[in-house]
C-alpha atoms as a PDB file:
ATOM      1  CA  MET A   1       0.000   0.000   0.000  1.00  0.00           C
ATOM      2  CA  ALA A   2       2.929   2.335   0.703  1.00  0.00           C
ATOM      3  CA  TRP A   3       4.001   2.252  -2.938  1.00  0.00           C
ATOM      4  CA  LEU A   4       0.484   3.134  -4.080  1.00  0.00           C
ATOM      5  CA  TYR A   5       0.439   6.058  -1.636  1.00  0.00           C
ATOM      6  CA  LEU A   6       3.818   7.168  -2.953  1.00  0.00           C
ATOM      7  CA  LEU A   7       2.823   6.920  -6.614  1.00  0.00           C
ATOM      8  CA  THR A   8      -0.372   8.870  -5.974  1.00  0.00           C
ATOM      9  CA  ALA A   9       1.535  11.478  -3.979  1.00  0.00           C
ATOM     10  CA  GLY A  10       3.948  11.885  -6.902  1.00  0.00           C
ATOM     11  CA  VAL A  11       1.141  12.317  -9.415  1.00  0.00           C
ATOM     12  CA  LEU A  12      -0.496  14.886  -7.133  1.00  0.00           C
ATOM     13  CA  GLU A  13       2.826  16.719  -6.998  1.00  0.00           C
ATOM     14  CA  VAL A  14       2.667  17.080 -10.780  1.00  0.00           C
ATOM     15  CA  VAL A  15      -0.909  18.331 -10.525  1.00  0.00           C
ATOM     16  CA  TRP A  16      -0.088  20.964  -7.932  1.00  0.00           C
ATOM     17  CA  ALA A  17       2.989  22.116  -9.836  1.00  0.00           C
ATOM     18  CA  TYR A  18       0.899  22.605 -12.982  1.00  0.00           C
ATOM     19  CA  ALA A  19      -1.880  24.319 -11.030  1.00  0.00           C
ATOM     20  CA  LEU A  20       0.713  26.561  -9.379  1.00  0.00           C
ATOM     21  CA  LYS A  21       1.875  27.670 -12.821  1.00  0.00           C
ATOM     22  CA  GLN A  22      -1.735  28.306 -13.812  1.00  0.00           C
ATOM     23  CA  SER A  23      -2.452  30.252 -10.594  1.00  0.00           C
ATOM     24  CA  ASP A  24      -0.278  33.125 -11.854  1.00  0.00           C
ATOM     25  CA  GLY A  25       1.327  33.745  -8.481  1.00  0.00           C
ATOM     26  CA  PHE A  26      -1.835  32.828  -6.550  1.00  0.00           C
ATOM     27  CA  THR A  27      -3.803  35.562  -8.301  1.00  0.00           C
ATOM     28  CA  LYS A  28      -6.317  33.146  -9.879  1.00  0.00           C
ATOM     29  CA  PHE A  29      -8.702  31.568  -7.396  1.00  0.00           C
ATOM     30  CA  GLY A  30      -9.474  28.190  -9.034  1.00  0.00           C
ATOM     31  CA  PRO A  31      -5.913  27.138  -9.789  1.00  0.00           C
ATOM     32  CA  SER A  32      -4.820  28.434  -6.370  1.00  0.00           C
ATOM     33  CA  VAL A  33      -7.368  26.189  -4.640  1.00  0.00           C
ATOM     34  CA  VAL A  34      -6.280  23.204  -6.755  1.00  0.00           C
ATOM     35  CA  THR A  35      -2.634  23.938  -5.908  1.00  0.00           C
ATOM     36  CA  LEU A  36      -3.206  24.065  -2.163  1.00  0.00           C
ATOM     37  CA  THR A  37      -5.565  21.085  -2.070  1.00  0.00           C
ATOM     38  CA  THR A  38      -3.388  18.779  -4.132  1.00  0.00           C
ATOM     39  CA  ALA A  39      -0.200  19.895  -2.348  1.00  0.00           C
ATOM     40  CA  ILE A  40      -1.713  19.012   1.027  1.00  0.00           C
ATOM     41  CA  ALA A  41      -3.010  15.682  -0.288  1.00  0.00           C
ATOM     42  CA  SER A  42       0.403  14.928  -1.798  1.00  0.00           C
ATOM     43  CA  PHE A  43       2.163  15.611   1.503  1.00  0.00           C
ATOM     44  CA  VAL A  44      -0.335  13.511   3.456  1.00  0.00           C
ATOM     45  CA  LEU A  45       0.098  10.556   1.099  1.00  0.00           C
ATOM     46  CA  LEU A  46       3.890  10.963   1.186  1.00  0.00           C
ATOM     47  CA  SER A  47       3.782  10.875   4.984  1.00  0.00           C
ATOM     48  CA  LEU A  48       1.694   7.691   4.898  1.00  0.00           C
ATOM     49  CA  ALA A  49       4.161   6.075   2.501  1.00  0.00           C
ATOM     50  CA  MET A  50       7.039   7.067   4.790  1.00  0.00           C
ATOM     51  CA  LYS A  51       5.531   5.023   7.619  1.00  0.00           C
ATOM     52  CA  SER A  52       6.990   1.920   6.002  1.00  0.00           C
ATOM     53  CA  LEU A  53       9.387   3.134   3.294  1.00  0.00           C
ATOM     54  CA  PRO A  54      12.834   4.554   3.962  1.00  0.00           C
ATOM     55  CA  LEU A  55      12.993   8.353   3.952  1.00  0.00           C
ATOM     56  CA  GLY A  56      15.547   8.536   1.154  1.00  0.00           C
ATOM     57  CA  THR A  57      13.650   6.173  -1.106  1.00  0.00           C
ATOM     58  CA  ALA A  58      10.252   7.773  -0.569  1.00  0.00           C
ATOM     59  CA  TYR A  59      11.472  11.329  -0.955  1.00  0.00           C
ATOM     60  CA  VAL A  60      13.629  10.669  -4.012  1.00  0.00           C
ATOM     61  CA  ILE A  61      10.840   8.824  -5.799  1.00  0.00           C
ATOM     62  CA  TRP A  62       8.254  11.492  -4.870  1.00  0.00           C
ATOM     63  CA  THR A  63      10.419  14.333  -6.138  1.00  0.00           C
ATOM     64  CA  GLY A  64      11.481  12.331  -9.203  1.00  0.00           C
ATOM     65  CA  ILE A  65       7.896  11.665 -10.243  1.00  0.00           C
ATOM     66  CA  GLY A  66       7.200  15.356  -9.739  1.00  0.00           C
ATOM     67  CA  ALA A  67      10.246  16.506 -11.683  1.00  0.00           C
ATOM     68  CA  VAL A  68       9.769  14.222 -14.669  1.00  0.00           C
ATOM     69  CA  GLY A  69       6.005  14.694 -14.649  1.00  0.00           C
ATOM     70  CA  ALA A  70       6.334  18.473 -14.553  1.00  0.00           C
ATOM     71  CA  PHE A  71       8.839  18.309 -17.413  1.00  0.00           C
ATOM     72  CA  VAL A  72       6.448  16.209 -19.519  1.00  0.00           C
ATOM     73  CA  ILE A  73       3.455  18.474 -18.752  1.00  0.00           C
ATOM     74  CA  GLY A  74       5.583  21.524 -19.517  1.00  0.00           C
ATOM     75  CA  VAL A  75       6.547  20.191 -22.921  1.00  0.00           C
ATOM     76  CA  ILE A  76       3.224  18.623 -23.939  1.00  0.00           C
ATOM     77  CA  VAL A  77       0.689  21.009 -22.400  1.00  0.00           C
ATOM     78  CA  LEU A  78       2.571  24.284 -22.045  1.00  0.00           C
ATOM     79  CA  GLY A  79       4.700  24.019 -25.191  1.00  0.00           C
ATOM     80  CA  GLU A  80       7.995  24.411 -23.336  1.00  0.00           C
ATOM     81  CA  HIS A  81      11.272  23.769 -25.139  1.00  0.00           C
ATOM     82  CA  MET A  82      12.392  20.158 -25.464  1.00  0.00           C
ATOM     83  CA  SER A  83      15.987  19.338 -26.259  1.00  0.00           C
ATOM     84  CA  ALA A  84      18.065  16.194 -26.305  1.00  0.00           C
ATOM     85  CA  VAL A  85      19.828  17.295 -23.126  1.00  0.00           C
ATOM     86  CA  ARG A  86      16.544  17.884 -21.259  1.00  0.00           C
ATOM     87  CA  VAL A  87      15.208  14.497 -22.400  1.00  0.00           C
ATOM     88  CA  ALA A  88      18.464  12.808 -21.364  1.00  0.00           C
ATOM     89  CA  ALA A  89      18.203  14.455 -17.941  1.00  0.00           C
ATOM     90  CA  ALA A  90      14.644  13.156 -17.526  1.00  0.00           C
ATOM     91  CA  VAL A  91      15.754   9.659 -18.593  1.00  0.00           C
ATOM     92  CA  LEU A  92      18.549   9.752 -16.015  1.00  0.00           C
ATOM     93  CA  ILE A  93      16.054  10.750 -13.323  1.00  0.00           C
ATOM     94  CA  VAL A  94      13.815   7.819 -14.263  1.00  0.00           C
ATOM     95  CA  CYS A  95      16.828   5.484 -14.174  1.00  0.00           C
ATOM     96  CA  GLY A  96      17.619   6.761 -10.686  1.00  0.00           C
ATOM     97  CA  LEU A  97      14.033   6.144  -9.583  1.00  0.00           C
ATOM     98  CA  VAL A  98      14.131   2.583 -10.879  1.00  0.00           C
ATOM     99  CA  MET A  99      17.454   1.962  -9.139  1.00  0.00           C
ATOM    100  CA  MET A 100      16.093   3.397  -5.893  1.00  0.00           C
ATOM    101  CA  LYS A 101      13.039   1.142  -6.078  1.00  0.00           C
ATOM    102  CA  LEU A 102      15.135  -1.928  -6.866  1.00  0.00           C
ATOM    103  CA  SER A 103      17.450  -1.186  -3.948  1.00  0.00           C
ATOM    104  CA  THR A 104      14.609  -1.009  -1.425  1.00  0.00           C
ATOM    105  CA  SER A 105      13.519  -4.244   0.178  1.00  0.00           C
ATOM    106  CA  ASP A 106      11.024  -2.557   2.567  1.00  0.00           C
ATOM    107  CA  ALA A 107       7.289  -2.660   1.918  1.00  0.00           C
END
């Protein structure tokens, strides 16, 4: 269950990062509410995952999902620049996440 909490927390991190961008510095009500709600939910789920997962593993995977997810949303939805170097960086992050998962025997 901890891994499901962690995956959901990571996806919610992507949602709040996108909503934060859309909130225009918390000047738009709807995106601001989505940002705060999903950020709180993400932190709660991360804390539940950390009950049985090691701190380093949980945090690295949570931030990695957020970083790669935000990169993908930025490129696909927001039309941000994509280069070979940025894609390679995202691939390296994913490789690190896989290695972290494989190195964790807990939960």
